[in-house]
Amino acid sequence: MDACYDVITLGECMLRCSPPSGEMLEQADRMRLDPAGTESNTATALARLGVRVAYVSALPDDPTGRWIAGRLQTHGVDVSHVIWTQDRAGVFFLETGTPPRGSRVEYDRARSAASRMYVDKMNWRVFDGARIVHTTGITAALSESCRSLVAMALREARSRGCLSSFDINYRAKLWTPDQAAATLTPLLGQVDLLVSTEADIRLLYGLKGTSQELIRQLVDRFGIDAMVLTLAEGGAAGWSSATGPVSVGAHRVEQVDRLGAGDAFDAGLLYGVLLGDLSFGMAAGAALAAVSYSEQGDMTWTTLEEALRLAGLSRKPSSWGRSS
């Protein structure tokens, strides 16, 4: 295998069905269909920035799976490492709410292809030469086999010299805070870059203090080299052993579709990490997240130039040199 990637993402991509804005699910007679999954969303955003990215997952060998793979390829994501199975694609339904009604998500993902991924089905050689391996707590929540898969992916990334990036991405519909904390705690010692919302850290670990105090508590506990918290009021706080504390402010947004903003942030952040510049990555991530709010669907179609312009950043090279 001579293909080397800047980033490899590992997780589930589903079919997202959403009625027209202002309509509830039970009244809709037509639906918009989009591919959607946190790791695949991050992969497509990275590919649009010029990053060499591969997506590792399992998809059904049927029209739904091939449609998902084709959409990812449209953005430049390498899907050649997808495992094709006789299982089904996961589906979720999004009903976008406007105040006073909130949005609602209904999942139908039991026994999906990705939830039945197993350690012994993976070709870990794909990690060879990769710079970053990225996954999230959503994948770990899908099934017992996926929890083992995430644990093995983090170990394989470390043993093969890849940086590991992990977004906690807590989902209350998948597990309880206690279940999430119990599962994720043994994994975090293997993580190089940890990302989370501030609210999820407080919920799962019961920590108190400022955002930087939360970061320091987790960094000290797990020996993490870098960590970023996205904040409820917008913006983000971060820390790395190389930079110390860093922060980025929020952008003013007008929401069209809120899903995928965190995944877009992760893409911008990883872009900066590839450059060796956490502060740059946080600024790029904040810009990508803001633009994603204005786009319909989970995946962002933002260009590198648009993201950098919004972030007020100078253009950086989109073709990365290999680390020595």
Protein backbone atom coordinates (compact mmCIF):
# COMPACT_ATOMS: atom_id res chain seq x y z
CA MET A 1 0.00 0.00 0.00
CA ASP A 2 1.68 3.19 -1.16
CA ALA A 3 -1.17 5.62 -0.40
CA CYS A 4 -0.39 7.88 2.54
CA TYR A 5 -2.97 10.22 3.99
CA ASP A 6 -2.86 13.41 6.00
CA VAL A 7 -6.02 12.41 7.87
CA ILE A 8 -8.01 9.20 8.23
CA THR A 9 -11.48 9.36 9.77
CA LEU A 10 -13.30 6.34 11.19
CA GLY A 11 -17.04 6.23 11.85
CA GLU A 12 -20.58 5.87 10.51
CA CYS A 13 -22.22 7.76 7.67
CA MET A 14 -26.02 7.59 7.57
CA LEU A 15 -28.89 8.71 5.39
CA ARG A 16 -30.41 11.92 6.73
CA CYS A 17 -34.06 12.58 5.85
CA SER A 18 -35.49 16.02 6.56
CA PRO A 19 -38.80 17.64 5.60
CA PRO A 20 -38.89 21.17 4.19
CA SER A 21 -38.20 23.90 6.72
CA GLY A 22 -41.26 24.63 8.82
CA GLU A 23 -42.83 21.21 8.33
CA MET A 24 -43.06 18.47 10.95
CA LEU A 25 -42.21 14.88 10.11
CA GLU A 26 -45.77 13.62 10.37
CA GLN A 27 -47.12 16.25 7.97
CA ALA A 28 -44.37 16.01 5.34
CA ASP A 29 -45.03 14.32 2.00
CA ARG A 30 -41.48 14.74 0.72
CA MET A 31 -38.01 14.60 2.27
CA ARG A 32 -34.58 15.94 1.45
CA LEU A 33 -31.91 13.21 1.52
CA ASP A 34 -28.34 13.93 2.63
CA PRO A 35 -25.36 11.83 3.71
CA ALA A 36 -24.59 12.57 7.35
CA GLY A 37 -22.14 11.34 9.95
CA THR A 38 -19.72 13.20 12.16
CA GLU A 39 -16.52 11.57 10.86
CA SER A 40 -17.65 11.64 7.22
CA ASN A 41 -18.66 15.30 7.61
CA THR A 42 -15.17 16.10 8.89
CA ALA A 43 -13.60 14.09 6.07
CA THR A 44 -15.46 15.97 3.34
CA ALA A 45 -14.65 19.37 4.86
CA LEU A 46 -10.97 18.43 5.03
CA ALA A 47 -10.95 17.17 1.45
CA ARG A 48 -12.40 20.48 0.28
CA LEU A 49 -9.48 22.23 2.01
CA GLY A 50 -7.05 20.21 -0.10
CA VAL A 51 -6.15 17.65 2.56
CA ARG A 52 -5.48 14.03 1.55
CA VAL A 53 -8.16 12.23 3.53
CA ALA A 54 -9.48 8.67 3.65
CA TYR A 55 -12.75 7.58 5.22
CA VAL A 56 -12.86 4.15 6.89
CA SER A 57 -16.24 2.62 7.64
CA ALA A 58 -18.68 -0.11 6.66
CA LEU A 59 -21.44 0.53 4.15
CA PRO A 60 -24.13 -1.71 2.67
CA ASP A 61 -23.35 -3.11 -0.76
CA ASP A 62 -26.57 -1.75 -2.20
CA PRO A 63 -27.76 1.50 -3.81
CA THR A 64 -27.90 3.35 -0.47
CA GLY A 65 -24.31 2.51 0.43
CA ARG A 66 -23.03 3.29 -3.06
CA TRP A 67 -24.93 6.60 -3.03
CA ILE A 68 -23.24 7.58 0.25
CA ALA A 69 -19.80 6.61 -1.03
CA GLY A 70 -20.39 8.50 -4.27
CA ARG A 71 -21.31 11.67 -2.39
CA LEU A 72 -18.12 11.49 -0.33
CA GLN A 73 -16.05 10.92 -3.46
CA THR A 74 -17.60 14.05 -4.99
CA HIS A 75 -15.75 16.06 -2.36
CA GLY A 76 -12.47 14.22 -2.91
CA VAL A 77 -12.60 11.74 -0.03
CA ASP A 78 -10.91 8.37 -0.63
CA VAL A 79 -13.49 5.66 0.13
CA SER A 80 -11.42 2.74 -1.13
CA HIS A 81 -11.02 1.40 2.41
CA VAL A 82 -14.75 1.13 3.10
CA ILE A 83 -15.87 -2.39 4.04
CA TRP A 84 -18.87 -3.47 1.96
CA THR A 85 -21.42 -5.62 3.79
CA GLN A 86 -24.90 -7.12 3.47
CA ASP A 87 -26.18 -5.01 6.38
CA ARG A 88 -28.24 -1.84 6.13
CA ALA A 89 -27.46 1.87 6.19
CA GLY A 90 -28.37 3.80 9.32
CA VAL A 91 -31.06 6.45 8.89
CA PHE A 92 -32.07 9.48 10.90
CA PHE A 93 -34.89 11.95 10.53
CA LEU A 94 -34.37 15.63 11.31
CA GLU A 95 -37.32 17.90 12.02
CA THR A 96 -35.95 21.44 12.12
CA GLY A 97 -37.76 23.54 14.69
CA THR A 98 -38.21 27.29 14.83
CA PRO A 99 -38.86 28.89 18.27
CA PRO A 100 -40.88 28.17 20.26
CA ARG A 101 -40.67 24.62 18.84
CA GLY A 102 -37.27 22.95 19.07
CA SER A 103 -35.67 20.62 16.54
CA ARG A 104 -36.13 16.87 16.83
CA VAL A 105 -34.00 13.93 15.68
CA GLU A 106 -35.24 10.36 15.36
CA TYR A 107 -32.66 7.60 14.77
CA ASP A 108 -33.14 4.32 12.95
CA ARG A 109 -29.64 2.89 13.04
CA ALA A 110 -29.93 -0.44 14.86
CA ARG A 111 -27.86 -3.20 13.21
CA SER A 112 -26.47 -0.78 10.66
CA ALA A 113 -23.38 -1.74 8.69
CA ALA A 114 -21.15 0.59 10.69
CA SER A 115 -22.50 -0.58 14.06
CA ARG A 116 -21.36 -4.09 13.12
CA MET A 117 -17.74 -3.18 12.35
CA TYR A 118 -15.29 -5.57 14.00
CA VAL A 119 -11.61 -5.31 14.82
CA ASP A 120 -10.71 -8.38 12.75
CA LYS A 121 -12.37 -6.93 9.63
CA MET A 122 -10.10 -3.88 9.54
CA ASN A 123 -6.92 -3.55 7.50
CA TRP A 124 -4.83 -1.48 9.89
CA ARG A 125 -2.09 -1.03 7.30
CA VAL A 126 -4.11 1.91 5.97
CA PHE A 127 -2.75 3.85 8.97
CA ASP A 128 0.84 3.41 7.78
CA GLY A 129 2.27 6.82 6.86
CA ALA A 130 -0.88 8.68 7.92
CA ARG A 131 -0.40 11.82 9.98
CA ILE A 132 -3.67 11.96 11.94
CA VAL A 133 -6.36 9.39 12.76
CA HIS A 134 -9.67 10.98 13.83
CA THR A 135 -12.70 9.39 15.43
CA THR A 136 -15.35 10.26 18.01
CA GLY A 137 -17.40 9.10 20.93
CA ILE A 138 -20.36 8.54 18.62
CA THR A 139 -18.61 5.57 17.04
CA ALA A 140 -17.75 4.18 20.46
CA ALA A 141 -21.44 4.45 21.45
CA LEU A 142 -22.80 2.41 18.54
CA SER A 143 -22.07 -1.11 19.79
CA GLU A 144 -19.70 -3.25 21.82
CA SER A 145 -17.77 -4.15 18.68
CA CYS A 146 -17.41 -0.46 17.80
CA ARG A 147 -16.08 0.30 21.27
CA SER A 148 -13.41 -2.34 20.75
CA LEU A 149 -12.76 -0.94 17.28
CA VAL A 150 -12.17 2.61 18.56
CA ALA A 151 -9.86 1.34 21.29
CA MET A 152 -7.86 -0.65 18.74
CA ALA A 153 -7.77 2.29 16.30
CA LEU A 154 -6.20 4.51 18.97
CA ARG A 155 -3.62 1.84 19.82
CA GLU A 156 -2.83 1.21 16.16
CA ALA A 157 -2.49 4.93 15.49
CA ARG A 158 0.05 5.30 18.29
CA SER A 159 2.01 2.19 17.35
CA ARG A 160 2.24 3.33 13.71
CA GLY A 161 3.34 6.87 14.54
CA CYS A 162 0.06 8.68 13.78
CA LEU A 163 -1.37 11.46 15.90
CA SER A 164 -4.79 10.56 17.27
CA SER A 165 -7.64 13.07 17.37
CA PHE A 166 -10.80 12.32 19.33
CA ASP A 167 -14.01 14.34 19.68
CA ILE A 168 -16.17 13.27 22.65
CA ASN A 169 -19.35 14.27 20.75
CA TYR A 170 -21.76 13.03 23.43
CA ARG A 171 -25.23 12.00 22.18
CA ALA A 172 -27.91 11.48 24.82
CA LYS A 173 -29.95 9.28 22.46
CA LEU A 174 -27.09 6.77 22.29
CA TRP A 175 -26.04 6.44 25.92
CA THR A 176 -26.17 8.02 29.37
CA PRO A 177 -23.46 10.34 30.74
CA ASP A 178 -22.30 7.61 33.13
CA GLN A 179 -22.07 5.05 30.32
CA ALA A 180 -20.16 7.49 28.14
CA ALA A 181 -17.70 8.45 30.87
CA ALA A 182 -17.09 4.82 31.84
CA THR A 183 -16.36 3.86 28.24
CA LEU A 184 -14.35 6.89 27.18
CA THR A 185 -12.18 7.28 30.29
CA PRO A 186 -9.94 4.26 29.49
CA LEU A 187 -9.53 5.54 25.92
CA LEU A 188 -8.47 9.10 26.60
CA GLY A 189 -4.99 8.17 27.74
CA GLN A 190 -4.30 7.09 24.13
CA VAL A 191 -5.43 10.42 22.64
CA ASP A 192 -3.06 13.16 21.45
CA LEU A 193 -5.71 15.81 20.62
CA LEU A 194 -9.00 15.84 22.53
CA VAL A 195 -11.96 17.95 21.39
CA SER A 196 -15.25 18.47 23.19
CA THR A 197 -17.93 20.97 23.96
CA GLU A 198 -17.52 22.56 27.36
CA ALA A 199 -21.04 21.35 28.28
CA ASP A 200 -20.19 17.70 27.52
CA ILE A 201 -17.08 17.79 29.73
CA ARG A 202 -19.05 19.23 32.62
CA LEU A 203 -21.84 16.67 32.12
CA LEU A 204 -19.68 13.56 31.76
CA TYR A 205 -16.98 14.35 34.32
CA GLY A 206 -18.71 16.71 36.74
CA LEU A 207 -15.82 19.17 36.57
CA LYS A 208 -16.02 22.81 37.62
CA GLY A 209 -14.06 25.92 36.81
CA THR A 210 -13.27 28.06 33.81
CA SER A 211 -12.78 26.51 30.38
CA GLN A 212 -9.00 26.61 30.79
CA GLU A 213 -9.31 25.03 34.24
CA LEU A 214 -11.38 22.21 32.75
CA ILE A 215 -8.76 21.68 30.08
CA ARG A 216 -5.92 21.55 32.59
CA GLN A 217 -7.77 19.02 34.74
CA LEU A 218 -8.23 16.64 31.82
CA VAL A 219 -4.75 17.23 30.39
CA ASP A 220 -3.21 16.43 33.78
CA ARG A 221 -5.43 13.38 34.27
CA PHE A 222 -4.91 11.76 30.88
CA GLY A 223 -1.57 13.16 29.73
CA ILE A 224 -3.12 14.69 26.61
CA ASP A 225 -0.79 16.79 24.46
CA ALA A 226 -3.48 19.20 23.20
CA MET A 227 -7.13 19.89 23.94
CA VAL A 228 -9.82 22.22 22.60
CA LEU A 229 -13.20 23.08 24.09
CA THR A 230 -15.92 24.70 22.01
CA LEU A 231 -17.99 27.12 24.08
CA ALA A 232 -21.74 27.58 24.38
CA GLU A 233 -21.52 31.30 23.62
CA GLY A 234 -19.35 30.61 20.59
CA GLY A 235 -15.66 30.53 20.05
CA ALA A 236 -13.28 28.02 21.59
CA ALA A 237 -10.60 27.64 24.23
CA GLY A 238 -7.56 25.46 23.72
CA TRP A 239 -4.22 24.42 25.15
CA SER A 240 -1.22 22.50 23.88
CA SER A 241 2.17 21.69 25.32
CA ALA A 242 3.71 23.79 22.55
CA THR A 243 1.52 26.91 22.77
CA GLY A 244 -0.01 27.03 26.21
CA PRO A 245 -3.53 28.54 26.46
CA VAL A 246 -5.11 29.84 23.24
CA SER A 247 -8.60 31.05 22.36
CA VAL A 248 -10.70 32.17 19.42
CA GLY A 249 -13.85 34.29 19.35
CA ALA A 250 -17.21 33.53 17.80
CA HIS A 251 -18.61 34.66 14.45
CA ARG A 252 -22.06 36.10 13.99
CA VAL A 253 -24.24 33.50 12.28
CA GLU A 254 -27.74 33.24 10.87
CA GLN A 255 -28.79 29.63 11.22
CA VAL A 256 -30.09 27.68 8.24
CA ASP A 257 -29.04 24.22 9.44
CA ARG A 258 -27.19 23.65 12.69
CA LEU A 259 -26.10 20.04 12.15
CA GLY A 260 -22.50 19.47 11.16
CA ALA A 261 -21.07 22.68 12.62
CA GLY A 262 -18.97 20.83 15.18
CA ASP A 263 -17.64 18.50 12.48
CA ALA A 264 -16.69 21.50 10.34
CA PHE A 265 -14.88 22.94 13.36
CA ASP A 266 -12.92 19.71 13.74
CA ALA A 267 -11.88 19.89 10.09
CA GLY A 268 -10.50 23.41 10.46
CA LEU A 269 -8.78 22.44 13.69
CA LEU A 270 -7.09 19.44 12.09
CA TYR A 271 -6.05 21.64 9.17
CA GLY A 272 -4.13 23.79 11.64
CA VAL A 273 -2.67 20.78 13.44
CA LEU A 274 -1.28 19.54 10.12
CA LEU A 275 0.46 22.91 9.84
CA GLY A 276 1.72 22.64 13.40
CA ASP A 277 -0.36 25.67 14.44
CA LEU A 278 -3.16 25.03 16.97
CA SER A 279 -4.22 28.68 17.09
CA PHE A 280 -4.53 28.79 13.29
CA GLY A 281 -6.59 25.60 13.39
CA MET A 282 -8.98 26.96 16.00
CA ALA A 283 -9.53 30.12 13.94
CA ALA A 284 -10.08 28.10 10.77
CA GLY A 285 -12.41 25.76 12.65
CA ALA A 286 -14.50 28.62 14.02
CA ALA A 287 -14.83 30.04 10.50
CA LEU A 288 -15.82 26.70 8.98
CA ALA A 289 -18.36 26.09 11.73
CA ALA A 290 -19.91 29.53 11.21
CA VAL A 291 -20.24 29.04 7.46
CA SER A 292 -21.70 25.56 7.92
CA TYR A 293 -24.64 27.09 9.83
CA SER A 294 -25.60 28.87 6.61
CA GLU A 295 -25.61 25.69 4.50
CA GLN A 296 -28.34 23.07 4.11
CA GLY A 297 -27.25 19.57 5.04
CA ASP A 298 -24.63 18.12 7.35
CA MET A 299 -21.66 18.48 5.01
CA THR A 300 -20.09 21.84 4.29
CA TRP A 301 -19.29 22.95 0.75
CA THR A 302 -17.02 25.73 1.99
CA THR A 303 -13.82 26.39 0.04
CA LEU A 304 -10.40 26.99 1.53
CA GLU A 305 -10.40 30.58 0.31
CA GLU A 306 -13.80 31.34 1.85
CA ALA A 307 -12.86 29.86 5.22
CA LEU A 308 -9.54 31.69 5.42
CA ARG A 309 -11.12 34.97 4.35
CA LEU A 310 -13.78 34.74 7.04
CA ALA A 311 -11.17 33.83 9.65
CA GLY A 312 -8.93 36.71 8.56
CA LEU A 313 -6.06 34.31 7.94
CA SER A 314 -3.35 34.25 5.31
CA ARG A 315 -3.47 31.46 2.78
CA LYS A 316 -1.61 28.35 3.84
CA PRO A 317 -0.37 25.56 1.55
CA SER A 318 -2.91 22.82 0.90
CA SER A 319 -0.32 20.22 -0.05
CA TRP A 320 1.48 18.98 3.03
CA GLY A 321 5.06 17.86 3.30
CA ARG A 322 5.70 14.60 5.12
CA SER A 323 6.94 14.73 8.67
CA SER A 324 10.53 13.62 9.08
